[in-house]
Amino acid sequence: LNMDLRVKRTRSSIINAFLQLRAKKTLERISVKEMSELAGINKATFYLHYKDIYDLSEKLENELFERIFKSIEHPDAIISDTHLFIKELIDGFTSNQSMIDIIFSNERSNILVDRLEKSMKDFVYKKYPEYSHIPEIDIFLTYSIKGGYYAFAENKSCDIQLRTSVIGDIAEYISGRIVADVIGKS
């Protein structure tokens, strides 16, 4: 039990030091030496937990991504109730915004939305395998996820509720036009 507590404290120290440095620097500019000093550990201790800085970053990215994806209570709503899906997606992003801004900043900014798109497509095509061969559905999913994300991120001067509502309305409209037409034809 003491060992577990020590391991947790050490990992917490490493992660906190990493986040402090990552908030100021690109991933490539963070050294294990600098981070270890800030965490109050030696480099060897760092390497007991992670292969390198990129391994640590990837693990944190994965944890954050999972947290965001799991916050979408109704992922199948991307097809059936697009407005609800967009609201849950935006809620997931906004509740994790400070971590997103640090972990997925600079050169890593597209990774989050690319992974979300892939995960949502995997989810939809597993639940609705009949859609996997329909290009219009694929385009709709990309547009709803990436378009919604970037429209939200690029319009920070607008109120969150307004952005969410407008993005949801647009996605719902497209869903009604494209998805319903395509599904009706197949």
N, C-alpha and C. Protein backbone atom coordinates (compact mmCIF):
# COMPACT_ATOMS: atom_id res chain seq x y z
N LEU A 1 0.83 -1.21 0.00
CA LEU A 1 0.00 0.00 0.00
C LEU A 1 0.87 1.26 0.00
N ASN A 2 1.94 1.26 0.82
CA ASN A 2 2.86 2.40 0.83
C ASN A 2 3.52 2.58 -0.53
N MET A 3 3.88 1.44 -1.15
CA MET A 3 4.51 1.51 -2.46
C MET A 3 3.55 2.12 -3.49
N ASP A 4 2.28 1.70 -3.44
CA ASP A 4 1.29 2.25 -4.35
C ASP A 4 1.15 3.76 -4.17
N LEU A 5 1.12 4.20 -2.94
CA LEU A 5 0.99 5.62 -2.65
C LEU A 5 2.21 6.39 -3.16
N ARG A 6 3.39 5.82 -2.97
CA ARG A 6 4.62 6.47 -3.47
C ARG A 6 4.62 6.55 -4.99
N VAL A 7 4.22 5.46 -5.62
CA VAL A 7 4.17 5.43 -7.09
C VAL A 7 3.18 6.49 -7.59
N LYS A 8 2.01 6.57 -6.95
CA LYS A 8 1.00 7.57 -7.34
C LYS A 8 1.53 8.98 -7.16
N ARG A 9 2.21 9.22 -6.04
CA ARG A 9 2.77 10.56 -5.79
C ARG A 9 3.84 10.90 -6.82
N THR A 10 4.68 9.93 -7.13
CA THR A 10 5.74 10.16 -8.11
C THR A 10 5.14 10.47 -9.48
N ARG A 11 4.17 9.67 -9.91
CA ARG A 11 3.52 9.92 -11.19
C ARG A 11 2.83 11.28 -11.20
N SER A 12 2.19 11.61 -10.12
CA SER A 12 1.53 12.90 -10.01
C SER A 12 2.55 14.04 -10.13
N SER A 13 3.69 13.90 -9.49
CA SER A 13 4.75 14.91 -9.57
C SER A 13 5.26 15.04 -11.00
N ILE A 14 5.43 13.91 -11.67
CA ILE A 14 5.91 13.92 -13.05
C ILE A 14 4.88 14.62 -13.94
N ILE A 15 3.63 14.24 -13.79
CA ILE A 15 2.57 14.83 -14.63
C ILE A 15 2.44 16.33 -14.38
N ASN A 16 2.46 16.74 -13.12
CA ASN A 16 2.35 18.17 -12.81
C ASN A 16 3.52 18.95 -13.39
N ALA A 17 4.72 18.41 -13.28
CA ALA A 17 5.90 19.08 -13.85
C ALA A 17 5.77 19.16 -15.37
N PHE A 18 5.34 18.06 -15.96
CA PHE A 18 5.17 18.04 -17.41
C PHE A 18 4.15 19.10 -17.86
N LEU A 19 3.01 19.16 -17.17
CA LEU A 19 1.98 20.13 -17.54
C LEU A 19 2.46 21.58 -17.38
N GLN A 20 3.23 21.82 -16.32
CA GLN A 20 3.79 23.18 -16.14
C GLN A 20 4.68 23.55 -17.32
N LEU A 21 5.53 22.61 -17.71
CA LEU A 21 6.45 22.89 -18.82
C LEU A 21 5.71 22.93 -20.16
N ARG A 22 4.77 22.04 -20.33
CA ARG A 22 4.02 21.95 -21.59
C ARG A 22 3.18 23.21 -21.82
N ALA A 23 2.75 23.84 -20.76
CA ALA A 23 1.98 25.08 -20.89
C ALA A 23 2.83 26.21 -21.47
N LYS A 24 4.15 26.07 -21.36
CA LYS A 24 5.06 27.12 -21.82
C LYS A 24 5.85 26.74 -23.06
N LYS A 25 6.00 25.43 -23.32
CA LYS A 25 6.90 24.98 -24.37
C LYS A 25 6.24 23.94 -25.28
N THR A 26 6.82 23.81 -26.48
CA THR A 26 6.40 22.72 -27.35
C THR A 26 6.95 21.42 -26.76
N LEU A 27 6.37 20.34 -27.16
CA LEU A 27 6.76 19.02 -26.66
C LEU A 27 8.25 18.75 -26.92
N GLU A 28 8.71 19.12 -28.08
CA GLU A 28 10.10 18.87 -28.47
C GLU A 28 11.11 19.62 -27.60
N ARG A 29 10.69 20.69 -26.98
CA ARG A 29 11.62 21.52 -26.20
C ARG A 29 11.67 21.13 -24.72
N ILE A 30 10.89 20.13 -24.33
CA ILE A 30 10.90 19.68 -22.94
C ILE A 30 11.90 18.53 -22.80
N SER A 31 12.81 18.68 -21.87
CA SER A 31 13.79 17.61 -21.65
C SER A 31 13.41 16.83 -20.39
N VAL A 32 13.80 15.57 -20.39
CA VAL A 32 13.56 14.72 -19.21
C VAL A 32 14.30 15.29 -18.02
N LYS A 33 15.48 15.80 -18.25
CA LYS A 33 16.29 16.37 -17.17
C LYS A 33 15.55 17.55 -16.51
N GLU A 34 15.10 18.49 -17.32
CA GLU A 34 14.40 19.67 -16.81
C GLU A 34 13.11 19.27 -16.08
N MET A 35 12.36 18.36 -16.67
CA MET A 35 11.11 17.93 -16.07
C MET A 35 11.35 17.18 -14.77
N SER A 36 12.36 16.33 -14.74
CA SER A 36 12.67 15.56 -13.54
C SER A 36 13.08 16.49 -12.39
N GLU A 37 13.87 17.49 -12.71
CA GLU A 37 14.28 18.46 -11.69
C GLU A 37 13.05 19.17 -11.12
N LEU A 38 12.16 19.60 -12.00
CA LEU A 38 10.95 20.28 -11.55
C LEU A 38 10.06 19.36 -10.71
N ALA A 39 10.04 18.06 -11.06
CA ALA A 39 9.22 17.09 -10.33
C ALA A 39 9.89 16.65 -9.03
N GLY A 40 11.16 16.97 -8.85
CA GLY A 40 11.88 16.58 -7.64
C GLY A 40 12.26 15.10 -7.64
N ILE A 41 12.52 14.57 -8.82
CA ILE A 41 12.94 13.17 -8.95
C ILE A 41 14.20 13.11 -9.80
N ASN A 42 14.83 11.94 -9.84
CA ASN A 42 15.96 11.82 -10.78
C ASN A 42 15.47 11.21 -12.09
N LYS A 43 16.30 11.34 -13.12
CA LYS A 43 15.90 10.88 -14.45
C LYS A 43 15.58 9.39 -14.46
N ALA A 44 16.32 8.61 -13.70
CA ALA A 44 16.09 7.16 -13.66
C ALA A 44 14.68 6.85 -13.17
N THR A 45 14.21 7.62 -12.20
CA THR A 45 12.85 7.41 -11.70
C THR A 45 11.83 7.70 -12.80
N PHE A 46 12.06 8.75 -13.56
CA PHE A 46 11.16 9.05 -14.67
C PHE A 46 11.08 7.86 -15.62
N TYR A 47 12.25 7.28 -15.96
CA TYR A 47 12.28 6.18 -16.92
C TYR A 47 11.69 4.88 -16.37
N LEU A 48 11.48 4.80 -15.07
CA LEU A 48 10.75 3.65 -14.51
C LEU A 48 9.27 3.71 -14.88
N HIS A 49 8.78 4.93 -15.14
CA HIS A 49 7.36 5.13 -15.41
C HIS A 49 7.04 5.34 -16.89
N TYR A 50 7.96 5.98 -17.63
CA TYR A 50 7.70 6.33 -19.03
C TYR A 50 8.95 6.09 -19.86
N LYS A 51 8.73 5.76 -21.14
CA LYS A 51 9.87 5.54 -22.05
C LYS A 51 10.60 6.84 -22.36
N ASP A 52 9.80 7.90 -22.57
CA ASP A 52 10.36 9.21 -22.89
C ASP A 52 9.23 10.25 -22.76
N ILE A 53 9.53 11.47 -23.11
CA ILE A 53 8.55 12.57 -23.00
C ILE A 53 7.35 12.28 -23.89
N TYR A 54 7.58 11.72 -25.06
CA TYR A 54 6.49 11.43 -25.99
C TYR A 54 5.55 10.36 -25.46
N ASP A 55 6.11 9.38 -24.77
CA ASP A 55 5.30 8.33 -24.14
C ASP A 55 4.40 8.95 -23.07
N LEU A 56 4.96 9.81 -22.25
CA LEU A 56 4.18 10.50 -21.22
C LEU A 56 3.08 11.34 -21.87
N SER A 57 3.43 12.10 -22.88
CA SER A 57 2.45 12.94 -23.57
C SER A 57 1.33 12.10 -24.18
N GLU A 58 1.70 11.02 -24.81
CA GLU A 58 0.70 10.15 -25.44
C GLU A 58 -0.24 9.54 -24.41
N LYS A 59 0.29 9.15 -23.27
CA LYS A 59 -0.56 8.59 -22.21
C LYS A 59 -1.54 9.65 -21.69
N LEU A 60 -1.06 10.87 -21.51
CA LEU A 60 -1.95 11.95 -21.06
C LEU A 60 -2.99 12.29 -22.13
N GLU A 61 -2.58 12.29 -23.38
CA GLU A 61 -3.52 12.53 -24.48
C GLU A 61 -4.61 11.46 -24.46
N ASN A 62 -4.19 10.20 -24.32
CA ASN A 62 -5.16 9.09 -24.31
C ASN A 62 -6.14 9.21 -23.15
N GLU A 63 -5.63 9.54 -21.97
CA GLU A 63 -6.52 9.70 -20.80
C GLU A 63 -7.51 10.84 -21.01
N LEU A 64 -7.04 11.95 -21.52
CA LEU A 64 -7.92 13.09 -21.76
C LEU A 64 -8.94 12.77 -22.84
N PHE A 65 -8.48 12.13 -23.91
CA PHE A 65 -9.40 11.77 -24.98
C PHE A 65 -10.50 10.84 -24.45
N GLU A 66 -10.12 9.84 -23.68
CA GLU A 66 -11.10 8.91 -23.12
C GLU A 66 -12.11 9.64 -22.23
N ARG A 67 -11.62 10.58 -21.44
CA ARG A 67 -12.51 11.36 -20.58
C ARG A 67 -13.52 12.15 -21.41
N ILE A 68 -13.07 12.75 -22.49
CA ILE A 68 -13.96 13.53 -23.35
C ILE A 68 -14.95 12.60 -24.05
N PHE A 69 -14.45 11.51 -24.61
CA PHE A 69 -15.32 10.59 -25.34
C PHE A 69 -16.37 9.98 -24.42
N LYS A 70 -15.97 9.63 -23.21
CA LYS A 70 -16.91 9.04 -22.25
C LYS A 70 -17.94 10.05 -21.76
N SER A 71 -17.62 11.34 -21.87
CA SER A 71 -18.58 12.36 -21.44
C SER A 71 -19.75 12.50 -22.41
N ILE A 72 -19.61 11.92 -23.60
CA ILE A 72 -20.70 11.94 -24.57
C ILE A 72 -21.62 10.78 -24.19
N GLU A 73 -22.70 11.12 -23.50
CA GLU A 73 -23.61 10.10 -22.97
C GLU A 73 -24.39 9.37 -24.06
N HIS A 74 -24.64 10.03 -25.17
CA HIS A 74 -25.44 9.45 -26.24
C HIS A 74 -24.68 9.54 -27.57
N PRO A 75 -23.59 8.79 -27.73
CA PRO A 75 -22.81 8.91 -28.97
C PRO A 75 -23.61 8.55 -30.22
N ASP A 76 -24.59 7.64 -30.08
CA ASP A 76 -25.40 7.29 -31.25
C ASP A 76 -26.32 8.43 -31.68
N ALA A 77 -26.43 9.46 -30.85
CA ALA A 77 -27.25 10.62 -31.21
C ALA A 77 -26.66 11.38 -32.39
N ILE A 78 -25.43 11.10 -32.76
CA ILE A 78 -24.85 11.77 -33.92
C ILE A 78 -25.69 11.49 -35.16
N ILE A 79 -26.38 10.38 -35.18
CA ILE A 79 -27.27 10.04 -36.29
C ILE A 79 -28.72 10.40 -35.96
N SER A 80 -29.16 10.07 -34.76
CA SER A 80 -30.59 10.18 -34.43
C SER A 80 -31.01 11.53 -33.84
N ASP A 81 -30.11 12.21 -33.13
CA ASP A 81 -30.43 13.50 -32.51
C ASP A 81 -29.15 14.34 -32.50
N THR A 82 -28.80 14.83 -33.66
CA THR A 82 -27.52 15.51 -33.86
C THR A 82 -27.33 16.68 -32.92
N HIS A 83 -28.39 17.40 -32.64
CA HIS A 83 -28.33 18.55 -31.74
C HIS A 83 -27.85 18.11 -30.35
N LEU A 84 -28.42 17.03 -29.84
CA LEU A 84 -28.01 16.49 -28.55
C LEU A 84 -26.54 16.07 -28.58
N PHE A 85 -26.13 15.38 -29.66
CA PHE A 85 -24.75 14.95 -29.78
C PHE A 85 -23.80 16.15 -29.74
N ILE A 86 -24.09 17.18 -30.51
CA ILE A 86 -23.23 18.37 -30.55
C ILE A 86 -23.15 19.01 -29.17
N LYS A 87 -24.26 19.10 -28.46
CA LYS A 87 -24.25 19.68 -27.12
C LYS A 87 -23.35 18.86 -26.19
N GLU A 88 -23.49 17.53 -26.21
CA GLU A 88 -22.67 16.68 -25.35
C GLU A 88 -21.20 16.76 -25.73
N LEU A 89 -20.91 16.82 -27.02
CA LEU A 89 -19.53 16.94 -27.49
C LEU A 89 -18.92 18.25 -27.00
N ILE A 90 -19.62 19.34 -27.18
CA ILE A 90 -19.13 20.65 -26.75
C ILE A 90 -18.99 20.69 -25.24
N ASP A 91 -19.94 20.12 -24.51
CA ASP A 91 -19.81 20.05 -23.05
C ASP A 91 -18.54 19.28 -22.65
N GLY A 92 -18.26 18.19 -23.36
CA GLY A 92 -17.05 17.41 -23.08
C GLY A 92 -15.78 18.22 -23.32
N PHE A 93 -15.78 19.01 -24.38
CA PHE A 93 -14.62 19.85 -24.66
C PHE A 93 -14.50 20.99 -23.65
N THR A 94 -15.60 21.68 -23.38
CA THR A 94 -15.50 22.84 -22.49
C THR A 94 -15.15 22.43 -21.06
N SER A 95 -15.62 21.28 -20.61
CA SER A 95 -15.30 20.87 -19.24
C SER A 95 -13.84 20.41 -19.11
N ASN A 96 -13.17 20.20 -20.22
CA ASN A 96 -11.76 19.79 -20.20
C ASN A 96 -10.87 20.79 -20.93
N GLN A 97 -11.38 22.00 -21.14
CA GLN A 97 -10.70 22.97 -21.99
C GLN A 97 -9.28 23.31 -21.53
N SER A 98 -9.08 23.51 -20.24
CA SER A 98 -7.74 23.91 -19.78
C SER A 98 -6.72 22.80 -20.07
N MET A 99 -7.10 21.55 -19.87
CA MET A 99 -6.18 20.45 -20.18
C MET A 99 -5.98 20.31 -21.69
N ILE A 100 -7.03 20.50 -22.47
CA ILE A 100 -6.92 20.44 -23.93
C ILE A 100 -5.93 21.50 -24.40
N ASP A 101 -6.07 22.72 -23.85
CA ASP A 101 -5.20 23.83 -24.25
C ASP A 101 -3.73 23.54 -23.98
N ILE A 102 -3.45 22.78 -22.94
CA ILE A 102 -2.06 22.44 -22.62
C ILE A 102 -1.58 21.23 -23.41
N ILE A 103 -2.30 20.14 -23.30
CA ILE A 103 -1.84 18.87 -23.87
C ILE A 103 -1.90 18.85 -25.40
N PHE A 104 -2.92 19.48 -25.97
CA PHE A 104 -3.08 19.45 -27.42
C PHE A 104 -2.75 20.80 -28.05
N SER A 105 -1.80 21.52 -27.48
CA SER A 105 -1.45 22.83 -28.05
C SER A 105 -0.42 22.67 -29.16
N ASN A 106 -0.23 23.76 -29.87
CA ASN A 106 0.77 23.87 -30.93
C ASN A 106 0.67 22.74 -31.94
N GLU A 107 1.76 22.01 -32.07
CA GLU A 107 1.87 20.97 -33.10
C GLU A 107 0.94 19.79 -32.87
N ARG A 108 0.31 19.70 -31.72
CA ARG A 108 -0.56 18.56 -31.39
C ARG A 108 -2.05 18.91 -31.52
N SER A 109 -2.36 20.12 -31.97
CA SER A 109 -3.74 20.60 -31.91
C SER A 109 -4.73 19.78 -32.74
N ASN A 110 -4.32 19.22 -33.85
CA ASN A 110 -5.25 18.46 -34.69
C ASN A 110 -5.47 17.03 -34.21
N ILE A 111 -4.59 16.54 -33.37
CA ILE A 111 -4.66 15.15 -32.94
C ILE A 111 -5.98 14.82 -32.26
N LEU A 112 -6.44 15.69 -31.37
CA LEU A 112 -7.66 15.43 -30.62
C LEU A 112 -8.87 15.28 -31.54
N VAL A 113 -9.08 16.23 -32.42
CA VAL A 113 -10.25 16.19 -33.28
C VAL A 113 -10.14 15.05 -34.30
N ASP A 114 -8.95 14.73 -34.77
CA ASP A 114 -8.77 13.58 -35.67
C ASP A 114 -9.13 12.28 -34.97
N ARG A 115 -8.70 12.13 -33.72
CA ARG A 115 -9.02 10.92 -32.96
C ARG A 115 -10.50 10.83 -32.66
N LEU A 116 -11.11 11.96 -32.35
CA LEU A 116 -12.54 11.96 -32.08
C LEU A 116 -13.31 11.54 -33.33
N GLU A 117 -12.92 12.08 -34.47
CA GLU A 117 -13.59 11.70 -35.72
C GLU A 117 -13.46 10.20 -35.96
N LYS A 118 -12.27 9.67 -35.82
CA LYS A 118 -12.06 8.24 -36.04
C LYS A 118 -12.88 7.41 -35.05
N SER A 119 -12.87 7.78 -33.79
CA SER A 119 -13.61 7.03 -32.78
C SER A 119 -15.11 7.07 -33.03
N MET A 120 -15.62 8.24 -33.43
CA MET A 120 -17.05 8.35 -33.70
C MET A 120 -17.44 7.53 -34.92
N LYS A 121 -16.61 7.56 -35.95
CA LYS A 121 -16.90 6.75 -37.14
C LYS A 121 -16.86 5.26 -36.78
N ASP A 122 -15.86 4.86 -36.02
CA ASP A 122 -15.79 3.45 -35.58
C ASP A 122 -17.05 3.08 -34.82
N PHE A 123 -17.48 3.95 -33.91
CA PHE A 123 -18.67 3.70 -33.11
C PHE A 123 -19.91 3.58 -34.00
N VAL A 124 -20.10 4.55 -34.89
CA VAL A 124 -21.28 4.56 -35.75
C VAL A 124 -21.30 3.34 -36.65
N TYR A 125 -20.16 3.00 -37.26
CA TYR A 125 -20.13 1.88 -38.20
C TYR A 125 -20.23 0.52 -37.51
N LYS A 126 -19.87 0.49 -36.25
CA LYS A 126 -20.07 -0.74 -35.49
C LYS A 126 -21.56 -0.89 -35.15
N LYS A 127 -22.18 0.21 -34.75
CA LYS A 127 -23.60 0.18 -34.38
C LYS A 127 -24.50 0.06 -35.62
N TYR A 128 -24.10 0.74 -36.70
CA TYR A 128 -24.87 0.74 -37.94
C TYR A 128 -23.97 0.29 -39.10
N PRO A 129 -23.64 -0.99 -39.18
CA PRO A 129 -22.70 -1.45 -40.22
C PRO A 129 -23.19 -1.15 -41.64
N GLU A 130 -24.49 -1.03 -41.80
CA GLU A 130 -25.04 -0.74 -43.13
C GLU A 130 -24.66 0.65 -43.63
N TYR A 131 -24.22 1.54 -42.73
CA TYR A 131 -23.81 2.90 -43.13
C TYR A 131 -22.35 2.96 -43.57
N SER A 132 -21.58 1.95 -43.26
CA SER A 132 -20.12 2.02 -43.47
C SER A 132 -19.73 2.16 -44.93
N HIS A 133 -20.59 1.79 -45.84
CA HIS A 133 -20.28 1.87 -47.27
C HIS A 133 -20.90 3.10 -47.95
N ILE A 134 -21.50 3.98 -47.16
CA ILE A 134 -22.20 5.13 -47.73
C ILE A 134 -21.33 6.38 -47.57
N PRO A 135 -20.78 6.87 -48.68
CA PRO A 135 -19.87 8.03 -48.60
C PRO A 135 -20.52 9.27 -47.99
N GLU A 136 -21.79 9.48 -48.23
CA GLU A 136 -22.47 10.66 -47.70
C GLU A 136 -22.50 10.65 -46.16
N ILE A 137 -22.65 9.47 -45.58
CA ILE A 137 -22.63 9.35 -44.12
C ILE A 137 -21.23 9.67 -43.60
N ASP A 138 -20.22 9.17 -44.29
CA ASP A 138 -18.84 9.43 -43.89
C ASP A 138 -18.54 10.93 -43.93
N ILE A 139 -18.97 11.58 -44.99
CA ILE A 139 -18.77 13.03 -45.13
C ILE A 139 -19.54 13.77 -44.04
N PHE A 140 -20.78 13.36 -43.80
CA PHE A 140 -21.59 13.98 -42.75
C PHE A 140 -20.90 13.87 -41.39
N LEU A 141 -20.37 12.70 -41.07
CA LEU A 141 -19.70 12.51 -39.78
C LEU A 141 -18.47 13.41 -39.66
N THR A 142 -17.66 13.45 -40.70
CA THR A 142 -16.47 14.32 -40.68
C THR A 142 -16.88 15.77 -40.50
N TYR A 143 -17.87 16.20 -41.27
CA TYR A 143 -18.31 17.59 -41.21
C TYR A 143 -18.88 17.94 -39.84
N SER A 144 -19.69 17.06 -39.30
CA SER A 144 -20.31 17.34 -38.00
C SER A 144 -19.28 17.41 -36.89
N ILE A 145 -18.34 16.48 -36.90
CA ILE A 145 -17.35 16.42 -35.82
C ILE A 145 -16.29 17.50 -35.98
N LYS A 146 -15.61 17.48 -37.12
CA LYS A 146 -14.53 18.45 -37.32
C LYS A 146 -15.08 19.86 -37.54
N GLY A 147 -16.12 19.97 -38.33
CA GLY A 147 -16.72 21.28 -38.57
C GLY A 147 -17.25 21.90 -37.29
N GLY A 148 -17.95 21.08 -36.50
CA GLY A 148 -18.48 21.56 -35.22
C GLY A 148 -17.38 21.99 -34.27
N TYR A 149 -16.33 21.18 -34.21
CA TYR A 149 -15.21 21.49 -33.32
C TYR A 149 -14.55 22.82 -33.71
N TYR A 150 -14.21 22.95 -34.99
CA TYR A 150 -13.51 24.16 -35.42
C TYR A 150 -14.41 25.39 -35.40
N ALA A 151 -15.68 25.23 -35.73
CA ALA A 151 -16.60 26.37 -35.64
C ALA A 151 -16.71 26.85 -34.20
N PHE A 152 -16.74 25.91 -33.28
CA PHE A 152 -16.80 26.28 -31.86
C PHE A 152 -15.51 26.97 -31.43
N ALA A 153 -14.38 26.37 -31.77
CA ALA A 153 -13.07 26.89 -31.34
C ALA A 153 -12.75 28.26 -31.94
N GLU A 154 -13.17 28.49 -33.17
CA GLU A 154 -12.81 29.72 -33.86
C GLU A 154 -13.73 30.90 -33.56
N ASN A 155 -14.80 30.67 -32.86
CA ASN A 155 -15.77 31.74 -32.59
C ASN A 155 -15.89 32.01 -31.10
N LYS A 156 -14.75 32.12 -30.44
CA LYS A 156 -14.72 32.31 -28.99
C LYS A 156 -15.36 33.61 -28.52
N SER A 157 -15.48 34.58 -29.42
CA SER A 157 -16.09 35.85 -29.01
C SER A 157 -17.60 35.72 -28.82
N CYS A 158 -18.18 34.65 -29.34
CA CYS A 158 -19.63 34.40 -29.18
C CYS A 158 -19.88 33.59 -27.92
N ASP A 159 -21.04 33.79 -27.35
CA ASP A 159 -21.50 33.05 -26.18
C ASP A 159 -21.49 31.54 -26.46
N ILE A 160 -21.14 30.75 -25.44
CA ILE A 160 -21.07 29.29 -25.58
C ILE A 160 -22.42 28.71 -26.00
N GLN A 161 -23.50 29.17 -25.37
CA GLN A 161 -24.82 28.64 -25.71
C GLN A 161 -25.19 28.96 -27.16
N LEU A 162 -24.83 30.17 -27.62
CA LEU A 162 -25.12 30.55 -29.01
C LEU A 162 -24.34 29.65 -29.97
N ARG A 163 -23.04 29.48 -29.70
CA ARG A 163 -22.22 28.62 -30.56
C ARG A 163 -22.78 27.20 -30.59
N THR A 164 -23.11 26.68 -29.42
CA THR A 164 -23.63 25.32 -29.33
C THR A 164 -24.94 25.19 -30.11
N SER A 165 -25.82 26.16 -29.94
CA SER A 165 -27.12 26.13 -30.61
C SER A 165 -26.98 26.21 -32.13
N VAL A 166 -26.17 27.14 -32.61
CA VAL A 166 -26.01 27.31 -34.05
C VAL A 166 -25.34 26.08 -34.67
N ILE A 167 -24.29 25.60 -34.04
CA ILE A 167 -23.61 24.41 -34.56
C ILE A 167 -24.55 23.21 -34.55
N GLY A 168 -25.32 23.07 -33.47
CA GLY A 168 -26.31 21.99 -33.40
C GLY A 168 -27.37 22.12 -34.49
N ASP A 169 -27.85 23.34 -34.71
CA ASP A 169 -28.86 23.58 -35.76
C ASP A 169 -28.32 23.20 -37.14
N ILE A 170 -27.08 23.61 -37.42
CA ILE A 170 -26.48 23.30 -38.72
C ILE A 170 -26.33 21.79 -38.89
N ALA A 171 -25.80 21.14 -37.87
CA ALA A 171 -25.61 19.68 -37.94
C ALA A 171 -26.96 18.97 -38.08
N GLU A 172 -27.94 19.43 -37.34
CA GLU A 172 -29.29 18.83 -37.41
C GLU A 172 -29.88 19.01 -38.81
N TYR A 173 -29.70 20.18 -39.38
CA TYR A 173 -30.20 20.44 -40.74
C TYR A 173 -29.54 19.50 -41.74
N ILE A 174 -28.22 19.42 -41.66
CA ILE A 174 -27.49 18.55 -42.58
C ILE A 174 -27.91 17.09 -42.38
N SER A 175 -28.04 16.72 -41.13
CA SER A 175 -28.47 15.37 -40.81
C SER A 175 -29.83 15.08 -41.43
N GLY A 176 -30.74 16.00 -41.27
CA GLY A 176 -32.08 15.81 -41.82
C GLY A 176 -32.09 15.72 -43.33
N ARG A 177 -31.25 16.51 -43.97
CA ARG A 177 -31.21 16.54 -45.43
C ARG A 177 -30.42 15.36 -45.99
N ILE A 178 -29.20 15.19 -45.54
CA ILE A 178 -28.30 14.20 -46.12
C ILE A 178 -28.58 12.80 -45.59
N VAL A 179 -28.50 12.67 -44.29
CA VAL A 179 -28.62 11.34 -43.69
C VAL A 179 -29.98 10.74 -43.98
N ALA A 180 -31.05 11.49 -43.77
CA ALA A 180 -32.39 10.95 -44.02
C ALA A 180 -32.56 10.57 -45.50
N ASP A 181 -32.09 11.43 -46.42
CA ASP A 181 -32.19 11.12 -47.84
C ASP A 181 -31.42 9.86 -48.21
N VAL A 182 -30.20 9.77 -47.72
CA VAL A 182 -29.34 8.64 -48.05
C VAL A 182 -29.89 7.35 -47.46
N ILE A 183 -30.30 7.42 -46.21
CA ILE A 183 -30.84 6.23 -45.55
C ILE A 183 -32.14 5.81 -46.23
N GLY A 184 -32.93 6.78 -46.63
CA GLY A 184 -34.18 6.48 -47.32
C GLY A 184 -33.97 5.81 -48.66
N LYS A 185 -32.85 6.12 -49.33
CA LYS A 185 -32.54 5.54 -50.65
C LYS A 185 -31.94 4.14 -50.52
N SER A 186 -31.30 3.86 -49.38
CA SER A 186 -30.60 2.56 -49.29
C SER A 186 -31.47 1.45 -48.81
